[in-house]
Amino acid sequence: MAAPITTIQKQQLTEEQIKEQKLEDLKTLLSENEEALNQIFSIVSELNNTGALEAATKLLQAKEEVASIALHQVSREPVTNLINHFMGIAGVLSAMDPEMTKKLVNSLNAGMDETKKLVNSEEKVGIFDLMKVLKDPDVNRAVNFGIHFLKGIGKGLKE
């Protein structure tokens, strides 16, 4: 009978053998991805020809200064105000009913279409014309909407 194996010896590669193995792996990788490498070289060549590669290099070399300038610009009051406005608008929009918003926007578009017809008109509207037009169900609905809208704004301003 053979003697039992009590230890496992791991084959230690020399530094030279490790370099040879890496070179072989690299050769295999290059041969398997020749088309992709050609495209990468083409892209890099175009970037170099247009000067974009040099600009990117300079930008990377000055990264600390660029980061400082960008941070300074973002921390300015107008920019922070703009960010706060966007966050506020996003909060309001997320709280609104999407169907009602869609209906309101469609109504605004319809109203704009109606105003296009009369935009260059010299027609004057009198008090009696206003009273008569309030009997129109569409106008009455819009006026009623406007009144309740203004009432809601007033309640919101009071809080």
N, C-alpha and C. Protein backbone atom coordinates (compact mmCIF):
# COMPACT_ATOMS: atom_id res chain seq x y z
N MET A 1 0.82 -1.19 0.00
CA MET A 1 0.00 0.00 0.00
C MET A 1 0.86 1.24 0.00
N ALA A 2 0.26 2.30 -0.59
CA ALA A 2 0.99 3.56 -0.67
C ALA A 2 0.81 4.33 0.63
N ALA A 3 1.73 5.21 0.88
CA ALA A 3 1.68 6.03 2.09
C ALA A 3 0.62 7.11 1.93
N PRO A 4 -0.16 7.41 2.95
CA PRO A 4 -1.20 8.43 2.84
C PRO A 4 -0.59 9.83 2.65
N ILE A 5 -1.34 10.68 1.92
CA ILE A 5 -0.89 12.06 1.70
C ILE A 5 -1.28 12.86 2.92
N THR A 6 -0.31 13.46 3.54
CA THR A 6 -0.59 14.23 4.75
C THR A 6 -0.48 15.73 4.51
N THR A 7 0.20 16.13 3.49
CA THR A 7 0.33 17.56 3.18
C THR A 7 0.15 17.76 1.69
N ILE A 8 -0.41 18.91 1.35
CA ILE A 8 -0.58 19.27 -0.05
C ILE A 8 0.38 20.41 -0.33
N GLN A 9 1.21 20.19 -1.32
CA GLN A 9 2.19 21.23 -1.66
C GLN A 9 1.66 22.03 -2.84
N LYS A 10 1.53 23.31 -2.60
CA LYS A 10 1.06 24.22 -3.64
C LYS A 10 2.26 24.58 -4.50
N GLN A 11 2.05 24.51 -5.81
CA GLN A 11 3.14 24.81 -6.72
C GLN A 11 3.37 26.32 -6.73
N GLN A 12 4.53 26.73 -6.36
CA GLN A 12 4.88 28.14 -6.32
C GLN A 12 5.49 28.53 -7.67
N LEU A 13 4.86 29.53 -8.30
CA LEU A 13 5.38 30.02 -9.57
C LEU A 13 6.39 31.13 -9.30
N THR A 14 7.40 31.15 -10.11
CA THR A 14 8.39 32.21 -9.98
C THR A 14 7.82 33.48 -10.59
N GLU A 15 8.46 34.58 -10.31
CA GLU A 15 8.01 35.86 -10.86
C GLU A 15 8.07 35.83 -12.38
N GLU A 16 9.07 35.18 -12.92
CA GLU A 16 9.23 35.05 -14.37
C GLU A 16 8.06 34.25 -14.96
N GLN A 17 7.65 33.17 -14.29
CA GLN A 17 6.54 32.34 -14.77
C GLN A 17 5.21 33.10 -14.68
N ILE A 18 5.07 33.89 -13.66
CA ILE A 18 3.84 34.70 -13.51
C ILE A 18 3.74 35.70 -14.66
N LYS A 19 4.87 36.35 -15.00
CA LYS A 19 4.88 37.31 -16.10
C LYS A 19 4.57 36.62 -17.42
N GLU A 20 5.12 35.43 -17.64
CA GLU A 20 4.86 34.67 -18.86
C GLU A 20 3.38 34.32 -18.96
N GLN A 21 2.78 33.90 -17.84
CA GLN A 21 1.38 33.53 -17.83
C GLN A 21 0.50 34.75 -18.14
N LYS A 22 0.84 35.90 -17.58
CA LYS A 22 0.08 37.13 -17.84
C LYS A 22 0.19 37.53 -19.30
N LEU A 23 1.39 37.39 -19.89
CA LEU A 23 1.56 37.71 -21.31
C LEU A 23 0.74 36.78 -22.19
N GLU A 24 0.68 35.52 -21.85
CA GLU A 24 -0.13 34.57 -22.62
C GLU A 24 -1.61 34.92 -22.51
N ASP A 25 -2.06 35.27 -21.30
CA ASP A 25 -3.46 35.67 -21.11
C ASP A 25 -3.79 36.91 -21.92
N LEU A 26 -2.86 37.85 -21.94
CA LEU A 26 -3.06 39.09 -22.70
C LEU A 26 -3.12 38.81 -24.20
N LYS A 27 -2.26 37.95 -24.70
CA LYS A 27 -2.27 37.58 -26.13
C LYS A 27 -3.61 36.95 -26.50
N THR A 28 -4.10 36.07 -25.64
CA THR A 28 -5.38 35.41 -25.90
C THR A 28 -6.51 36.44 -25.92
N LEU A 29 -6.50 37.32 -24.96
CA LEU A 29 -7.53 38.36 -24.87
C LEU A 29 -7.51 39.27 -26.10
N LEU A 30 -6.32 39.65 -26.55
CA LEU A 30 -6.18 40.50 -27.73
C LEU A 30 -6.69 39.80 -28.98
N SER A 31 -6.36 38.54 -29.14
CA SER A 31 -6.79 37.83 -30.33
C SER A 31 -8.29 37.59 -30.34
N GLU A 32 -8.90 37.41 -29.17
CA GLU A 32 -10.34 37.16 -29.10
C GLU A 32 -11.16 38.44 -29.29
N ASN A 33 -10.58 39.61 -29.02
CA ASN A 33 -11.33 40.88 -29.08
C ASN A 33 -10.71 41.86 -30.06
N GLU A 34 -10.24 41.37 -31.18
CA GLU A 34 -9.56 42.22 -32.15
C GLU A 34 -10.46 43.32 -32.69
N GLU A 35 -11.71 42.99 -33.03
CA GLU A 35 -12.63 43.97 -33.61
C GLU A 35 -12.95 45.09 -32.61
N ALA A 36 -13.20 44.71 -31.37
CA ALA A 36 -13.50 45.71 -30.34
C ALA A 36 -12.30 46.62 -30.11
N LEU A 37 -11.10 46.06 -30.11
CA LEU A 37 -9.90 46.87 -29.92
C LEU A 37 -9.71 47.84 -31.08
N ASN A 38 -9.97 47.40 -32.30
CA ASN A 38 -9.86 48.29 -33.45
C ASN A 38 -10.83 49.46 -33.33
N GLN A 39 -12.04 49.19 -32.84
CA GLN A 39 -13.02 50.27 -32.65
C GLN A 39 -12.55 51.24 -31.56
N ILE A 40 -12.00 50.71 -30.49
CA ILE A 40 -11.49 51.57 -29.41
C ILE A 40 -10.38 52.46 -29.92
N PHE A 41 -9.45 51.89 -30.69
CA PHE A 41 -8.35 52.69 -31.25
C PHE A 41 -8.88 53.75 -32.21
N SER A 42 -9.92 53.41 -32.97
CA SER A 42 -10.53 54.37 -33.89
C SER A 42 -11.15 55.54 -33.11
N ILE A 43 -11.85 55.22 -32.04
CA ILE A 43 -12.48 56.27 -31.21
C ILE A 43 -11.41 57.16 -30.59
N VAL A 44 -10.38 56.56 -30.05
CA VAL A 44 -9.30 57.33 -29.42
C VAL A 44 -8.62 58.21 -30.45
N SER A 45 -8.44 57.68 -31.66
CA SER A 45 -7.81 58.47 -32.73
C SER A 45 -8.66 59.69 -33.08
N GLU A 46 -9.99 59.51 -33.19
CA GLU A 46 -10.89 60.63 -33.48
C GLU A 46 -10.87 61.66 -32.35
N LEU A 47 -10.86 61.18 -31.11
CA LEU A 47 -10.79 62.10 -29.97
C LEU A 47 -9.49 62.90 -30.00
N ASN A 48 -8.42 62.25 -30.38
CA ASN A 48 -7.12 62.92 -30.47
C ASN A 48 -7.13 63.95 -31.60
N ASN A 49 -7.70 63.60 -32.75
CA ASN A 49 -7.73 64.51 -33.91
C ASN A 49 -8.56 65.76 -33.63
N THR A 50 -9.63 65.61 -32.86
CA THR A 50 -10.49 66.77 -32.57
C THR A 50 -9.99 67.58 -31.39
N GLY A 51 -9.01 67.08 -30.67
CA GLY A 51 -8.48 67.81 -29.52
C GLY A 51 -9.19 67.48 -28.23
N ALA A 52 -10.22 66.64 -28.30
CA ALA A 52 -10.98 66.30 -27.10
C ALA A 52 -10.15 65.48 -26.12
N LEU A 53 -9.25 64.66 -26.65
CA LEU A 53 -8.41 63.84 -25.79
C LEU A 53 -7.47 64.72 -24.98
N GLU A 54 -6.90 65.73 -25.62
CA GLU A 54 -6.01 66.66 -24.92
C GLU A 54 -6.79 67.45 -23.87
N ALA A 55 -8.00 67.88 -24.23
CA ALA A 55 -8.83 68.63 -23.28
C ALA A 55 -9.18 67.77 -22.07
N ALA A 56 -9.51 66.51 -22.30
CA ALA A 56 -9.83 65.61 -21.20
C ALA A 56 -8.62 65.39 -20.31
N THR A 57 -7.45 65.29 -20.94
CA THR A 57 -6.21 65.10 -20.18
C THR A 57 -5.95 66.31 -19.29
N LYS A 58 -6.08 67.50 -19.86
CA LYS A 58 -5.87 68.73 -19.09
C LYS A 58 -6.89 68.85 -17.96
N LEU A 59 -8.12 68.45 -18.25
CA LEU A 59 -9.17 68.50 -17.23
C LEU A 59 -8.84 67.56 -16.08
N LEU A 60 -8.36 66.39 -16.40
CA LEU A 60 -7.99 65.44 -15.35
C LEU A 60 -6.78 65.92 -14.55
N GLN A 61 -5.87 66.59 -15.22
CA GLN A 61 -4.69 67.11 -14.51
C GLN A 61 -5.08 68.22 -13.54
N ALA A 62 -6.10 68.97 -13.89
CA ALA A 62 -6.54 70.09 -13.05
C ALA A 62 -7.78 69.73 -12.24
N LYS A 63 -7.94 68.45 -11.91
CA LYS A 63 -9.18 67.99 -11.29
C LYS A 63 -9.49 68.68 -9.97
N GLU A 64 -8.49 68.97 -9.16
CA GLU A 64 -8.76 69.61 -7.88
C GLU A 64 -9.27 71.03 -8.07
N GLU A 65 -8.66 71.74 -8.99
CA GLU A 65 -9.09 73.12 -9.26
C GLU A 65 -10.49 73.13 -9.87
N VAL A 66 -10.75 72.20 -10.80
CA VAL A 66 -12.06 72.11 -11.44
C VAL A 66 -13.13 71.75 -10.40
N ALA A 67 -12.82 70.82 -9.51
CA ALA A 67 -13.77 70.44 -8.46
C ALA A 67 -14.05 71.62 -7.55
N SER A 68 -13.03 72.40 -7.24
CA SER A 68 -13.21 73.57 -6.38
C SER A 68 -14.12 74.59 -7.05
N ILE A 69 -13.90 74.84 -8.33
CA ILE A 69 -14.73 75.80 -9.07
C ILE A 69 -16.17 75.31 -9.15
N ALA A 70 -16.34 74.02 -9.47
CA ALA A 70 -17.69 73.46 -9.57
C ALA A 70 -18.41 73.53 -8.24
N LEU A 71 -17.72 73.21 -7.16
CA LEU A 71 -18.33 73.26 -5.84
C LEU A 71 -18.71 74.70 -5.48
N HIS A 72 -17.85 75.64 -5.83
CA HIS A 72 -18.16 77.05 -5.56
C HIS A 72 -19.39 77.50 -6.34
N GLN A 73 -19.48 77.10 -7.61
CA GLN A 73 -20.61 77.50 -8.45
C GLN A 73 -21.92 76.90 -7.94
N VAL A 74 -21.87 75.64 -7.53
CA VAL A 74 -23.08 74.96 -7.06
C VAL A 74 -23.55 75.53 -5.73
N SER A 75 -22.63 76.01 -4.92
CA SER A 75 -23.02 76.50 -3.60
C SER A 75 -23.46 77.96 -3.61
N ARG A 76 -23.46 78.60 -4.77
CA ARG A 76 -23.95 79.98 -4.86
C ARG A 76 -25.45 80.03 -4.59
N GLU A 77 -25.92 81.15 -4.04
CA GLU A 77 -27.32 81.27 -3.64
C GLU A 77 -28.30 81.06 -4.80
N PRO A 78 -28.06 81.63 -6.00
CA PRO A 78 -29.04 81.38 -7.07
C PRO A 78 -29.17 79.90 -7.43
N VAL A 79 -28.07 79.18 -7.39
CA VAL A 79 -28.12 77.76 -7.73
C VAL A 79 -28.84 76.98 -6.64
N THR A 80 -28.54 77.29 -5.38
CA THR A 80 -29.23 76.57 -4.30
C THR A 80 -30.72 76.92 -4.31
N ASN A 81 -31.06 78.16 -4.64
CA ASN A 81 -32.47 78.53 -4.76
C ASN A 81 -33.15 77.73 -5.87
N LEU A 82 -32.45 77.59 -7.00
CA LEU A 82 -33.00 76.83 -8.13
C LEU A 82 -33.23 75.37 -7.73
N ILE A 83 -32.26 74.78 -7.04
CA ILE A 83 -32.40 73.39 -6.58
C ILE A 83 -33.58 73.28 -5.62
N ASN A 84 -33.69 74.24 -4.70
CA ASN A 84 -34.82 74.22 -3.76
C ASN A 84 -36.16 74.36 -4.47
N HIS A 85 -36.21 75.21 -5.52
CA HIS A 85 -37.44 75.36 -6.29
C HIS A 85 -37.81 74.05 -6.98
N PHE A 86 -36.83 73.41 -7.59
CA PHE A 86 -37.10 72.13 -8.26
C PHE A 86 -37.59 71.09 -7.27
N MET A 87 -37.00 71.06 -6.09
CA MET A 87 -37.44 70.10 -5.08
C MET A 87 -38.86 70.42 -4.62
N GLY A 88 -39.17 71.70 -4.46
CA GLY A 88 -40.52 72.10 -4.07
C GLY A 88 -41.54 71.76 -5.14
N ILE A 89 -41.19 72.04 -6.39
CA ILE A 89 -42.10 71.73 -7.50
C ILE A 89 -42.31 70.22 -7.60
N ALA A 90 -41.22 69.47 -7.44
CA ALA A 90 -41.34 68.01 -7.49
C ALA A 90 -42.25 67.50 -6.37
N GLY A 91 -42.14 68.10 -5.20
CA GLY A 91 -43.01 67.70 -4.09
C GLY A 91 -44.46 68.01 -4.37
N VAL A 92 -44.71 69.18 -4.94
CA VAL A 92 -46.09 69.57 -5.26
C VAL A 92 -46.65 68.66 -6.35
N LEU A 93 -45.85 68.41 -7.38
CA LEU A 93 -46.33 67.56 -8.48
C LEU A 93 -46.60 66.13 -8.01
N SER A 94 -45.79 65.64 -7.09
CA SER A 94 -46.01 64.27 -6.61
C SER A 94 -47.25 64.19 -5.73
N ALA A 95 -47.65 65.31 -5.13
CA ALA A 95 -48.85 65.31 -4.28
C ALA A 95 -50.13 65.51 -5.09
N MET A 96 -49.99 65.98 -6.34
CA MET A 96 -51.18 66.26 -7.16
C MET A 96 -51.71 64.99 -7.81
N ASP A 97 -53.01 64.99 -8.05
CA ASP A 97 -53.65 63.89 -8.75
C ASP A 97 -53.30 63.99 -10.24
N PRO A 98 -52.65 62.97 -10.81
CA PRO A 98 -52.23 63.05 -12.20
C PRO A 98 -53.39 63.24 -13.19
N GLU A 99 -54.52 62.63 -12.90
CA GLU A 99 -55.67 62.77 -13.80
C GLU A 99 -56.19 64.21 -13.80
N MET A 100 -56.23 64.83 -12.62
CA MET A 100 -56.69 66.21 -12.53
C MET A 100 -55.70 67.14 -13.23
N THR A 101 -54.41 66.87 -13.07
CA THR A 101 -53.39 67.68 -13.74
C THR A 101 -53.53 67.57 -15.25
N LYS A 102 -53.74 66.36 -15.74
CA LYS A 102 -53.92 66.15 -17.18
C LYS A 102 -55.15 66.90 -17.68
N LYS A 103 -56.23 66.80 -16.92
CA LYS A 103 -57.47 67.49 -17.30
C LYS A 103 -57.26 69.01 -17.32
N LEU A 104 -56.53 69.53 -16.34
CA LEU A 104 -56.29 70.97 -16.26
C LEU A 104 -55.43 71.44 -17.44
N VAL A 105 -54.39 70.68 -17.76
CA VAL A 105 -53.51 71.05 -18.87
C VAL A 105 -54.28 70.99 -20.19
N ASN A 106 -55.10 69.97 -20.36
CA ASN A 106 -55.91 69.89 -21.59
C ASN A 106 -56.89 71.05 -21.67
N SER A 107 -57.45 71.45 -20.53
CA SER A 107 -58.36 72.60 -20.51
C SER A 107 -57.62 73.89 -20.86
N LEU A 108 -56.40 74.03 -20.33
CA LEU A 108 -55.61 75.22 -20.67
C LEU A 108 -55.32 75.27 -22.17
N ASN A 109 -55.01 74.13 -22.76
CA ASN A 109 -54.77 74.08 -24.20
C ASN A 109 -56.02 74.46 -24.99
N ALA A 110 -57.17 73.96 -24.54
CA ALA A 110 -58.42 74.31 -25.21
C ALA A 110 -58.69 75.80 -25.09
N GLY A 111 -58.42 76.36 -23.91
CA GLY A 111 -58.60 77.80 -23.71
C GLY A 111 -57.66 78.61 -24.60
N MET A 112 -56.43 78.15 -24.77
CA MET A 112 -55.49 78.84 -25.65
C MET A 112 -55.97 78.79 -27.10
N ASP A 113 -56.56 77.67 -27.50
CA ASP A 113 -57.09 77.56 -28.86
C ASP A 113 -58.22 78.57 -29.07
N GLU A 114 -59.07 78.73 -28.06
CA GLU A 114 -60.17 79.69 -28.16
C GLU A 114 -59.65 81.12 -28.25
N THR A 115 -58.60 81.42 -27.48
CA THR A 115 -58.10 82.79 -27.48
C THR A 115 -57.40 83.13 -28.80
N LYS A 116 -56.88 82.14 -29.48
CA LYS A 116 -56.22 82.41 -30.77
C LYS A 116 -57.20 83.01 -31.77
N LYS A 117 -58.45 82.61 -31.64
CA LYS A 117 -59.47 83.11 -32.56
C LYS A 117 -59.71 84.61 -32.38
N LEU A 118 -59.59 85.08 -31.14
CA LEU A 118 -59.95 86.46 -30.84
C LEU A 118 -58.76 87.35 -30.51
N VAL A 119 -57.55 86.88 -30.66
CA VAL A 119 -56.39 87.63 -30.21
C VAL A 119 -56.23 88.96 -30.96
N ASN A 120 -56.57 89.00 -32.20
CA ASN A 120 -56.43 90.25 -32.96
C ASN A 120 -57.76 91.00 -33.12
N SER A 121 -58.76 90.57 -32.38
CA SER A 121 -60.08 91.18 -32.49
C SER A 121 -60.12 92.48 -31.69
N GLU A 122 -60.84 93.41 -32.21
CA GLU A 122 -61.03 94.69 -31.53
C GLU A 122 -62.35 94.71 -30.77
N GLU A 123 -62.98 93.55 -30.64
CA GLU A 123 -64.28 93.45 -29.99
C GLU A 123 -64.19 93.83 -28.52
N LYS A 124 -65.13 94.72 -28.10
CA LYS A 124 -65.16 95.15 -26.71
C LYS A 124 -66.25 94.39 -25.97
N VAL A 125 -65.97 94.12 -24.69
CA VAL A 125 -66.92 93.37 -23.87
C VAL A 125 -67.47 94.32 -22.81
N GLY A 126 -68.78 94.38 -22.74
CA GLY A 126 -69.45 95.24 -21.76
C GLY A 126 -69.99 94.42 -20.60
N ILE A 127 -70.58 95.11 -19.64
CA ILE A 127 -71.13 94.48 -18.45
C ILE A 127 -72.25 93.50 -18.83
N PHE A 128 -73.13 93.92 -19.72
CA PHE A 128 -74.23 93.05 -20.10
C PHE A 128 -73.72 91.83 -20.87
N ASP A 129 -72.64 92.02 -21.64
CA ASP A 129 -72.03 90.88 -22.34
C ASP A 129 -71.48 89.86 -21.33
N LEU A 130 -70.89 90.37 -20.24
CA LEU A 130 -70.37 89.47 -19.22
C LEU A 130 -71.50 88.70 -18.54
N MET A 131 -72.59 89.40 -18.26
CA MET A 131 -73.71 88.74 -17.60
C MET A 131 -74.32 87.68 -18.52
N LYS A 132 -74.39 88.00 -19.81
CA LYS A 132 -74.97 87.06 -20.77
C LYS A 132 -74.06 85.84 -20.95
N VAL A 133 -72.75 86.06 -20.98
CA VAL A 133 -71.82 84.96 -21.22
C VAL A 133 -71.73 84.03 -20.01
N LEU A 134 -72.09 84.51 -18.83
CA LEU A 134 -72.09 83.64 -17.64
C LEU A 134 -73.15 82.55 -17.74
N LYS A 135 -74.15 82.74 -18.61
CA LYS A 135 -75.16 81.70 -18.81
C LYS A 135 -74.62 80.54 -19.64
N ASP A 136 -73.52 80.75 -20.34
CA ASP A 136 -72.89 79.67 -21.12
C ASP A 136 -72.31 78.66 -20.12
N PRO A 137 -72.69 77.37 -20.21
CA PRO A 137 -72.23 76.38 -19.22
C PRO A 137 -70.70 76.25 -19.17
N ASP A 138 -70.03 76.38 -20.30
CA ASP A 138 -68.56 76.25 -20.31
C ASP A 138 -67.91 77.41 -19.57
N VAL A 139 -68.40 78.63 -19.84
CA VAL A 139 -67.86 79.81 -19.18
C VAL A 139 -68.17 79.75 -17.69
N ASN A 140 -69.39 79.36 -17.36
CA ASN A 140 -69.78 79.28 -15.95
C ASN A 140 -68.93 78.27 -15.21
N ARG A 141 -68.64 77.13 -15.86
CA ARG A 141 -67.79 76.12 -15.24
C ARG A 141 -66.39 76.67 -14.99
N ALA A 142 -65.84 77.41 -15.96
CA ALA A 142 -64.49 77.98 -15.81
C ALA A 142 -64.45 79.04 -14.72
N VAL A 143 -65.48 79.90 -14.67
CA VAL A 143 -65.54 80.94 -13.64
C VAL A 143 -65.66 80.29 -12.26
N ASN A 144 -66.51 79.28 -12.16
CA ASN A 144 -66.69 78.57 -10.89
C ASN A 144 -65.37 77.91 -10.47
N PHE A 145 -64.68 77.31 -11.44
CA PHE A 145 -63.38 76.71 -11.16
C PHE A 145 -62.40 77.77 -10.65
N GLY A 146 -62.38 78.91 -11.33
CA GLY A 146 -61.48 80.00 -10.94
C GLY A 146 -61.76 80.52 -9.54
N ILE A 147 -63.03 80.65 -9.21
CA ILE A 147 -63.41 81.14 -7.87
C ILE A 147 -62.94 80.16 -6.80
N HIS A 148 -63.19 78.88 -7.01
CA HIS A 148 -62.77 77.88 -6.02
C HIS A 148 -61.24 77.76 -5.97
N PHE A 149 -60.62 77.93 -7.11
CA PHE A 149 -59.16 77.91 -7.17
C PHE A 149 -58.58 79.05 -6.33
N LEU A 150 -59.13 80.24 -6.53
CA LEU A 150 -58.68 81.40 -5.75
C LEU A 150 -58.98 81.22 -4.26
N LYS A 151 -60.10 80.59 -3.95
CA LYS A 151 -60.43 80.35 -2.54
C LYS A 151 -59.39 79.40 -1.92
N GLY A 152 -59.00 78.37 -2.67
CA GLY A 152 -57.98 77.45 -2.19
C GLY A 152 -56.63 78.12 -1.99
N ILE A 153 -56.27 79.00 -2.91
CA ILE A 153 -55.02 79.74 -2.77
C ILE A 153 -55.06 80.62 -1.52
N GLY A 154 -56.21 81.27 -1.30
CA GLY A 154 -56.38 82.11 -0.12
C GLY A 154 -56.24 81.31 1.15
N LYS A 155 -56.82 80.11 1.21
CA LYS A 155 -56.68 79.26 2.39
C LYS A 155 -55.23 78.86 2.58
N GLY A 156 -54.57 78.55 1.49
CA GLY A 156 -53.16 78.16 1.58
C GLY A 156 -52.29 79.29 2.07
N LEU A 157 -52.58 80.52 1.65
CA LEU A 157 -51.79 81.68 2.09
C LEU A 157 -52.04 82.01 3.54
N LYS A 158 -53.23 81.66 4.04
CA LYS A 158 -53.58 81.96 5.42
C LYS A 158 -52.79 81.09 6.40
N GLU A 159 -52.43 79.87 5.97
CA GLU A 159 -51.74 78.93 6.86
C GLU A 159 -50.30 79.32 7.10
